[in-house]
């Protein structure tokens, strides 16, 4: 099966938050996070519902201050555990 590394959900969430630190559209998120349009929707819905990403208009996404805080928390955990 090769050496394909499977990302966990937390890493995908982090990647989406990171991409959205600058306003971006769904297409850019899909390509930069390396997901497909079907799989990105549940993540975006979850992040919006929890106030971590805001949707401006119908197509632009932006990480909120709470999202930035979560990113820092994830980085801290990864540094502590040496992932």
PDB file of N, CA and C in Angstrom:
ATOM      1  N   UNK A   1       0.802  -1.201   0.000  1.00  0.00           N
ATOM      2  CA  UNK A   1       0.000   0.000   0.000  1.00  0.00           C
ATOM      3  C   UNK A   1       0.841   1.260   0.000  1.00  0.00           C
ATOM      4  N   UNK A   2       2.122   1.145   0.060  1.00  0.00           N
ATOM      5  CA  UNK A   2       2.962   2.326   0.038  1.00  0.00           C
ATOM      6  C   UNK A   2       3.127   2.931   1.417  1.00  0.00           C
ATOM      7  N   UNK A   3       3.732   4.086   1.445  1.00  0.00           N
ATOM      8  CA  UNK A   3       3.995   4.772   2.704  1.00  0.00           C
ATOM      9  C   UNK A   3       3.074   5.966   2.892  1.00  0.00           C
ATOM     10  N   UNK A   4       1.871   5.838   2.482  1.00  0.00           N
ATOM     11  CA  UNK A   4       0.921   6.937   2.583  1.00  0.00           C
ATOM     12  C   UNK A   4       0.608   7.226   4.048  1.00  0.00           C
ATOM     13  N   UNK A   5       0.761   8.468   4.433  1.00  0.00           N
ATOM     14  CA  UNK A   5       0.492   8.872   5.805  1.00  0.00           C
ATOM     15  C   UNK A   5      -0.937   9.384   5.883  1.00  0.00           C
ATOM     16  N   UNK A   6      -1.691   8.819   6.785  1.00  0.00           N
ATOM     17  CA  UNK A   6      -3.079   9.228   6.964  1.00  0.00           C
ATOM     18  C   UNK A   6      -3.143  10.302   8.035  1.00  0.00           C
ATOM     19  N   UNK A   7      -3.798  11.410   7.702  1.00  0.00           N
ATOM     20  CA  UNK A   7      -3.930  12.497   8.660  1.00  0.00           C
ATOM     21  C   UNK A   7      -5.126  12.249   9.563  1.00  0.00           C
ATOM     22  N   UNK A   8      -5.001  12.653  10.815  1.00  0.00           N
ATOM     23  CA  UNK A   8      -6.149  12.542  11.690  1.00  0.00           C
ATOM     24  C   UNK A   8      -7.017  13.798  11.548  1.00  0.00           C
ATOM     25  N   UNK A   9      -8.188  13.736  12.127  1.00  0.00           N
ATOM     26  CA  UNK A   9      -9.143  14.833  11.984  1.00  0.00           C
ATOM     27  C   UNK A   9      -8.613  16.131  12.561  1.00  0.00           C
ATOM     28  N   UNK A  10      -7.890  16.036  13.664  1.00  0.00           N
ATOM     29  CA  UNK A  10      -7.343  17.238  14.285  1.00  0.00           C
ATOM     30  C   UNK A  10      -6.351  17.928  13.352  1.00  0.00           C
ATOM     31  N   UNK A  11      -5.539  17.153  12.658  1.00  0.00           N
ATOM     32  CA  UNK A  11      -4.579  17.740  11.718  1.00  0.00           C
ATOM     33  C   UNK A  11      -5.310  18.396  10.548  1.00  0.00           C
ATOM     34  N   UNK A  12      -6.379  17.789  10.080  1.00  0.00           N
ATOM     35  CA  UNK A  12      -7.159  18.384   8.991  1.00  0.00           C
ATOM     36  C   UNK A  12      -7.797  19.683   9.457  1.00  0.00           C
ATOM     37  N   UNK A  13      -8.354  19.685  10.669  1.00  0.00           N
ATOM     38  CA  UNK A  13      -8.938  20.909  11.228  1.00  0.00           C
ATOM     39  C   UNK A  13      -7.878  21.997  11.306  1.00  0.00           C
ATOM     40  N   UNK A  14      -6.700  21.643  11.812  1.00  0.00           N
ATOM     41  CA  UNK A  14      -5.606  22.616  11.906  1.00  0.00           C
ATOM     42  C   UNK A  14      -5.268  23.176  10.525  1.00  0.00           C
ATOM     43  N   UNK A  15      -5.158  22.299   9.540  1.00  0.00           N
ATOM     44  CA  UNK A  15      -4.810  22.739   8.189  1.00  0.00           C
ATOM     45  C   UNK A  15      -5.857  23.691   7.616  1.00  0.00           C
ATOM     46  N   UNK A  16      -7.129  23.397   7.841  1.00  0.00           N
ATOM     47  CA  UNK A  16      -8.194  24.279   7.354  1.00  0.00           C
ATOM     48  C   UNK A  16      -8.112  25.632   8.049  1.00  0.00           C
ATOM     49  N   UNK A  17      -7.944  25.625   9.364  1.00  0.00           N
ATOM     50  CA  UNK A  17      -7.820  26.885  10.098  1.00  0.00           C
ATOM     51  C   UNK A  17      -6.632  27.688   9.593  1.00  0.00           C
ATOM     52  N   UNK A  18      -5.533  27.012   9.336  1.00  0.00           N
ATOM     53  CA  UNK A  18      -4.333  27.675   8.849  1.00  0.00           C
ATOM     54  C   UNK A  18      -4.568  28.330   7.488  1.00  0.00           C
ATOM     55  N   UNK A  19      -5.183  27.598   6.580  1.00  0.00           N
ATOM     56  CA  UNK A  19      -5.472  28.137   5.238  1.00  0.00           C
ATOM     57  C   UNK A  19      -6.408  29.344   5.331  1.00  0.00           C
ATOM     58  N   UNK A  20      -7.348  29.274   6.249  1.00  0.00           N
ATOM     59  CA  UNK A  20      -8.357  30.330   6.354  1.00  0.00           C
ATOM     60  C   UNK A  20      -7.900  31.531   7.183  1.00  0.00           C
ATOM     61  N   UNK A  21      -6.654  31.551   7.637  1.00  0.00           N
ATOM     62  CA  UNK A  21      -6.193  32.734   8.368  1.00  0.00           C
ATOM     63  C   UNK A  21      -6.197  33.955   7.459  1.00  0.00           C
ATOM     64  N   UNK A  22      -6.080  33.722   6.168  1.00  0.00           N
ATOM     65  CA  UNK A  22      -6.348  34.782   5.196  1.00  0.00           C
ATOM     66  C   UNK A  22      -7.644  34.398   4.497  1.00  0.00           C
ATOM     67  N   UNK A  23      -8.488  35.358   4.236  1.00  0.00           N
ATOM     68  CA  UNK A  23      -9.776  35.053   3.605  1.00  0.00           C
ATOM     69  C   UNK A  23      -9.559  34.247   2.337  1.00  0.00           C
ATOM     70  N   UNK A  24     -10.324  33.184   2.218  1.00  0.00           N
ATOM     71  CA  UNK A  24     -10.151  32.304   1.063  1.00  0.00           C
ATOM     72  C   UNK A  24     -11.463  31.630   0.702  1.00  0.00           C
ATOM     73  N   UNK A  25     -11.535  31.114  -0.509  1.00  0.00           N
ATOM     74  CA  UNK A  25     -12.761  30.436  -0.934  1.00  0.00           C
ATOM     75  C   UNK A  25     -12.607  28.924  -0.783  1.00  0.00           C
ATOM     76  N   UNK A  26     -13.712  28.225  -0.944  1.00  0.00           N
ATOM     77  CA  UNK A  26     -13.737  26.774  -0.726  1.00  0.00           C
ATOM     78  C   UNK A  26     -12.801  26.039  -1.679  1.00  0.00           C
ATOM     79  N   UNK A  27     -12.727  26.473  -2.907  1.00  0.00           N
ATOM     80  CA  UNK A  27     -11.856  25.806  -3.875  1.00  0.00           C
ATOM     81  C   UNK A  27     -10.406  25.848  -3.413  1.00  0.00           C
ATOM     82  N   UNK A  28      -9.962  27.005  -2.941  1.00  0.00           N
ATOM     83  CA  UNK A  28      -8.585  27.131  -2.456  1.00  0.00           C
ATOM     84  C   UNK A  28      -8.353  26.253  -1.229  1.00  0.00           C
ATOM     85  N   UNK A  29      -9.341  26.183  -0.354  1.00  0.00           N
ATOM     86  CA  UNK A  29      -9.215  25.333   0.834  1.00  0.00           C
ATOM     87  C   UNK A  29      -9.065  23.877   0.413  1.00  0.00           C
ATOM     88  N   UNK A  30      -9.917  23.428  -0.492  1.00  0.00           N
ATOM     89  CA  UNK A  30      -9.882  22.043  -0.970  1.00  0.00           C
ATOM     90  C   UNK A  30      -8.497  21.699  -1.518  1.00  0.00           C
ATOM     91  N   UNK A  31      -7.954  22.555  -2.349  1.00  0.00           N
ATOM     92  CA  UNK A  31      -6.661  22.253  -2.968  1.00  0.00           C
ATOM     93  C   UNK A  31      -5.505  22.365  -1.985  1.00  0.00           C
ATOM     94  N   UNK A  32      -5.528  23.371  -1.121  1.00  0.00           N
ATOM     95  CA  UNK A  32      -4.408  23.564  -0.193  1.00  0.00           C
ATOM     96  C   UNK A  32      -4.408  22.560   0.954  1.00  0.00           C
ATOM     97  N   UNK A  33      -5.589  22.077   1.337  1.00  0.00           N
ATOM     98  CA  UNK A  33      -5.678  21.096   2.423  1.00  0.00           C
ATOM     99  C   UNK A  33      -5.654  19.664   1.866  1.00  0.00           C
ATOM    100  N   UNK A  34      -5.774  19.551   0.557  1.00  0.00           N
ATOM    101  CA  UNK A  34      -5.737  18.253  -0.126  1.00  0.00           C
ATOM    102  C   UNK A  34      -6.898  17.356   0.281  1.00  0.00           C
ATOM    103  N   UNK A  35      -8.105  17.910   0.180  1.00  0.00           N
ATOM    104  CA  UNK A  35      -9.333  17.162   0.382  1.00  0.00           C
ATOM    105  C   UNK A  35     -10.177  17.305  -0.876  1.00  0.00           C
ATOM    106  N   UNK A  36     -11.341  16.668  -0.900  1.00  0.00           N
ATOM    107  CA  UNK A  36     -12.253  16.880  -2.014  1.00  0.00           C
ATOM    108  C   UNK A  36     -13.465  17.676  -1.526  1.00  0.00           C
ATOM    109  N   UNK A  37     -14.267  18.120  -2.460  1.00  0.00           N
ATOM    110  CA  UNK A  37     -15.400  18.979  -2.101  1.00  0.00           C
ATOM    111  C   UNK A  37     -16.405  18.260  -1.202  1.00  0.00           C
ATOM    112  N   UNK A  38     -16.558  16.976  -1.376  1.00  0.00           N
ATOM    113  CA  UNK A  38     -17.505  16.226  -0.552  1.00  0.00           C
ATOM    114  C   UNK A  38     -17.033  16.138   0.897  1.00  0.00           C
ATOM    115  N   UNK A  39     -15.736  15.945   1.090  1.00  0.00           N
ATOM    116  CA  UNK A  39     -15.233  15.763   2.452  1.00  0.00           C
ATOM    117  C   UNK A  39     -14.953  17.077   3.181  1.00  0.00           C
ATOM    118  N   UNK A  40     -14.819  18.187   2.464  1.00  0.00           N
ATOM    119  CA  UNK A  40     -14.524  19.460   3.142  1.00  0.00           C
ATOM    120  C   UNK A  40     -15.761  20.024   3.838  1.00  0.00           C
ATOM    121  N   UNK A  41     -16.937  19.765   3.300  1.00  0.00           N
ATOM    122  CA  UNK A  41     -18.158  20.369   3.837  1.00  0.00           C
ATOM    123  C   UNK A  41     -18.416  20.061   5.313  1.00  0.00           C
ATOM    124  N   UNK A  42     -18.317  18.804   5.757  1.00  0.00           N
ATOM    125  CA  UNK A  42     -18.547  18.546   7.186  1.00  0.00           C
ATOM    126  C   UNK A  42     -17.552  19.289   8.090  1.00  0.00           C
ATOM    127  N   UNK A  43     -16.319  19.398   7.640  1.00  0.00           N
ATOM    128  CA  UNK A  43     -15.323  20.126   8.427  1.00  0.00           C
ATOM    129  C   UNK A  43     -15.668  21.605   8.513  1.00  0.00           C
ATOM    130  N   UNK A  44     -15.996  22.210   7.382  1.00  0.00           N
ATOM    131  CA  UNK A  44     -16.355  23.631   7.402  1.00  0.00           C
ATOM    132  C   UNK A  44     -17.603  23.872   8.245  1.00  0.00           C
ATOM    133  N   UNK A  45     -18.586  22.990   8.113  1.00  0.00           N
ATOM    134  CA  UNK A  45     -19.806  23.124   8.928  1.00  0.00           C
ATOM    135  C   UNK A  45     -19.475  23.066  10.416  1.00  0.00           C
ATOM    136  N   UNK A  46     -18.623  22.121  10.807  1.00  0.00           N
ATOM    137  CA  UNK A  46     -18.222  21.970  12.203  1.00  0.00           C
ATOM    138  C   UNK A  46     -17.493  23.217  12.709  1.00  0.00           C
ATOM    139  N   UNK A  47     -16.565  23.709  11.908  1.00  0.00           N
ATOM    140  CA  UNK A  47     -15.783  24.877  12.316  1.00  0.00           C
ATOM    141  C   UNK A  47     -16.643  26.132  12.418  1.00  0.00           C
ATOM    142  N   UNK A  48     -17.576  26.290  11.502  1.00  0.00           N
ATOM    143  CA  UNK A  48     -18.485  27.445  11.550  1.00  0.00           C
ATOM    144  C   UNK A  48     -19.398  27.329  12.768  1.00  0.00           C
ATOM    145  N   UNK A  49     -19.965  26.158  12.974  1.00  0.00           N
ATOM    146  CA  UNK A  49     -20.883  25.919  14.094  1.00  0.00           C
ATOM    147  C   UNK A  49     -20.227  26.227  15.435  1.00  0.00           C
ATOM    148  N   UNK A  50     -18.931  25.950  15.540  1.00  0.00           N
ATOM    149  CA  UNK A  50     -18.209  26.152  16.788  1.00  0.00           C
ATOM    150  C   UNK A  50     -17.504  27.503  16.871  1.00  0.00           C
ATOM    151  N   UNK A  51     -17.774  28.386  15.917  1.00  0.00           N
ATOM    152  CA  UNK A  51     -17.229  29.732  15.962  1.00  0.00           C
ATOM    153  C   UNK A  51     -15.738  29.822  15.700  1.00  0.00           C
ATOM    154  N   UNK A  52     -15.191  28.843  14.983  1.00  0.00           N
ATOM    155  CA  UNK A  52     -13.762  28.833  14.692  1.00  0.00           C
ATOM    156  C   UNK A  52     -13.448  29.395  13.311  1.00  0.00           C
ATOM    157  N   UNK A  53     -14.431  29.344  12.433  1.00  0.00           N
ATOM    158  CA  UNK A  53     -14.335  29.924  11.087  1.00  0.00           C
ATOM    159  C   UNK A  53     -15.620  30.669  10.837  1.00  0.00           C
ATOM    160  N   UNK A  54     -15.513  31.819  10.176  1.00  0.00           N
ATOM    161  CA  UNK A  54     -16.717  32.537   9.781  1.00  0.00           C
ATOM    162  C   UNK A  54     -16.811  32.551   8.264  1.00  0.00           C
ATOM    163  N   UNK A  55     -18.042  32.553   7.805  1.00  0.00           N
ATOM    164  CA  UNK A  55     -18.306  32.566   6.370  1.00  0.00           C
ATOM    165  C   UNK A  55     -18.816  33.953   6.017  1.00  0.00           C
ATOM    166  N   UNK A  56     -18.065  34.641   5.177  1.00  0.00           N
ATOM    167  CA  UNK A  56     -18.442  35.988   4.742  1.00  0.00           C
ATOM    168  C   UNK A  56     -19.110  35.891   3.381  1.00  0.00           C
ATOM    169  N   UNK A  57     -20.367  36.253   3.326  1.00  0.00           N
ATOM    170  CA  UNK A  57     -21.093  36.084   2.074  1.00  0.00           C
ATOM    171  C   UNK A  57     -21.335  34.611   1.839  1.00  0.00           C
ATOM    172  N   UNK A  58     -21.302  34.208   0.598  1.00  0.00           N
ATOM    173  CA  UNK A  58     -21.602  32.808   0.312  1.00  0.00           C
ATOM    174  C   UNK A  58     -20.365  31.976   0.001  1.00  0.00           C
ATOM    175  N   UNK A  59     -19.199  32.617  -0.153  1.00  0.00           N
ATOM    176  CA  UNK A  59     -18.063  31.831  -0.620  1.00  0.00           C
ATOM    177  C   UNK A  59     -16.734  32.095   0.096  1.00  0.00           C
ATOM    178  N   UNK A  60     -16.653  33.040   0.989  1.00  0.00           N
ATOM    179  CA  UNK A  60     -15.374  33.392   1.604  1.00  0.00           C
ATOM    180  C   UNK A  60     -15.340  32.921   3.060  1.00  0.00           C
ATOM    181  N   UNK A  61     -14.254  32.267   3.430  1.00  0.00           N
ATOM    182  CA  UNK A  61     -14.076  31.727   4.769  1.00  0.00           C
ATOM    183  C   UNK A  61     -12.875  32.391   5.439  1.00  0.00           C
ATOM    184  N   UNK A  62     -13.000  32.610   6.754  1.00  0.00           N
ATOM    185  CA  UNK A  62     -11.934  33.277   7.513  1.00  0.00           C
ATOM    186  C   UNK A  62     -11.883  32.700   8.919  1.00  0.00           C
ATOM    187  N   UNK A  63     -10.674  32.386   9.395  1.00  0.00           N
ATOM    188  CA  UNK A  63     -10.489  31.882  10.752  1.00  0.00           C
ATOM    189  C   UNK A  63     -10.776  33.001  11.747  1.00  0.00           C
ATOM    190  N   UNK A  64     -11.535  32.689  12.795  1.00  0.00           N
ATOM    191  CA  UNK A  64     -11.854  33.667  13.840  1.00  0.00           C
ATOM    192  C   UNK A  64     -10.729  33.696  14.875  1.00  0.00           C
ATOM    193  N   UNK A  65     -10.827  34.621  15.816  1.00  0.00           N
ATOM    194  CA  UNK A  65      -9.820  34.684  16.887  1.00  0.00           C
ATOM    195  C   UNK A  65      -9.840  33.400  17.721  1.00  0.00           C
ATOM    196  N   UNK A  66     -11.014  32.808  17.914  1.00  0.00           N
ATOM    197  CA  UNK A  66     -11.085  31.514  18.624  1.00  0.00           C
ATOM    198  C   UNK A  66     -10.408  30.405  17.819  1.00  0.00           C
ATOM    199  N   UNK A  67     -10.520  30.477  16.507  1.00  0.00           N
ATOM    200  CA  UNK A  67      -9.845  29.510  15.649  1.00  0.00           C
ATOM    201  C   UNK A  67      -8.339  29.629  15.740  1.00  0.00           C
ATOM    202  N   UNK A  68      -7.841  30.867  15.789  1.00  0.00           N
ATOM    203  CA  UNK A  68      -6.404  31.100  15.930  1.00  0.00           C
ATOM    204  C   UNK A  68      -5.924  30.564  17.277  1.00  0.00           C
ATOM    205  N   UNK A  69      -6.727  30.773  18.319  1.00  0.00           N
ATOM    206  CA  UNK A  69      -6.374  30.254  19.646  1.00  0.00           C
ATOM    207  C   UNK A  69      -6.298  28.727  19.614  1.00  0.00           C
ATOM    208  N   UNK A  70      -7.262  28.090  18.964  1.00  0.00           N
ATOM    209  CA  UNK A  70      -7.236  26.632  18.856  1.00  0.00           C
ATOM    210  C   UNK A  70      -5.986  26.156  18.120  1.00  0.00           C
ATOM    211  N   UNK A  71      -5.605  26.863  17.064  1.00  0.00           N
ATOM    212  CA  UNK A  71      -4.383  26.499  16.340  1.00  0.00           C
ATOM    213  C   UNK A  71      -3.173  26.524  17.272  1.00  0.00           C
ATOM    214  N   UNK A  72      -3.075  27.561  18.099  1.00  0.00           N
ATOM    215  CA  UNK A  72      -1.955  27.673  19.039  1.00  0.00           C
ATOM    216  C   UNK A  72      -1.996  26.543  20.061  1.00  0.00           C
ATOM    217  N   UNK A  73      -3.202  26.187  20.512  1.00  0.00           N
ATOM    218  CA  UNK A  73      -3.340  25.083  21.453  1.00  0.00           C
ATOM    219  C   UNK A  73      -2.899  23.763  20.818  1.00  0.00           C
ATOM    220  N   UNK A  74      -3.281  23.535  19.579  1.00  0.00           N
ATOM    221  CA  UNK A  74      -2.883  22.308  18.868  1.00  0.00           C
ATOM    222  C   UNK A  74      -1.366  22.268  18.716  1.00  0.00           C
ATOM    223  N   UNK A  75      -0.765  23.399  18.342  1.00  0.00           N
ATOM    224  CA  UNK A  75       0.695  23.460  18.207  1.00  0.00           C
ATOM    225  C   UNK A  75       1.368  23.147  19.538  1.00  0.00           C
ATOM    226  N   UNK A  76       0.825  23.684  20.624  1.00  0.00           N
ATOM    227  CA  UNK A  76       1.395  23.449  21.948  1.00  0.00           C
ATOM    228  C   UNK A  76       1.342  21.964  22.312  1.00  0.00           C
ATOM    229  N   UNK A  77       0.224  21.330  22.040  1.00  0.00           N
ATOM    230  CA  UNK A  77       0.091  19.895  22.319  1.00  0.00           C
ATOM    231  C   UNK A  77       1.080  19.094  21.479  1.00  0.00           C
ATOM    232  N   UNK A  78       1.188  19.417  20.200  1.00  0.00           N
ATOM    233  CA  UNK A  78       2.107  18.682  19.332  1.00  0.00           C
ATOM    234  C   UNK A  78       3.553  18.866  19.774  1.00  0.00           C
ATOM    235  N   UNK A  79       3.906  20.077  20.209  1.00  0.00           N
ATOM    236  CA  UNK A  79       5.273  20.326  20.680  1.00  0.00           C
ATOM    237  C   UNK A  79       5.545  19.587  21.984  1.00  0.00           C
ATOM    238  N   UNK A  80       4.551  19.527  22.856  1.00  0.00           N
ATOM    239  CA  UNK A  80       4.722  18.819  24.130  1.00  0.00           C
ATOM    240  C   UNK A  80       4.893  17.325  23.908  1.00  0.00           C
ATOM    241  N   UNK A  81       4.119  16.764  22.982  1.00  0.00           N
ATOM    242  CA  UNK A  81       4.161  15.332  22.716  1.00  0.00           C
ATOM    243  C   UNK A  81       5.201  14.953  21.671  1.00  0.00           C
ATOM    244  N   UNK A  82       5.837  15.950  21.086  1.00  0.00           N
ATOM    245  CA  UNK A  82       6.892  15.728  20.077  1.00  0.00           C
ATOM    246  C   UNK A  82       6.411  14.932  18.871  1.00  0.00           C
ATOM    247  N   UNK A  83       5.245  15.314  18.351  1.00  0.00           N
ATOM    248  CA  UNK A  83       4.741  14.665  17.121  1.00  0.00           C
ATOM    249  C   UNK A  83       5.552  15.096  15.941  1.00  0.00           C
TER     250      UNK A  83
END
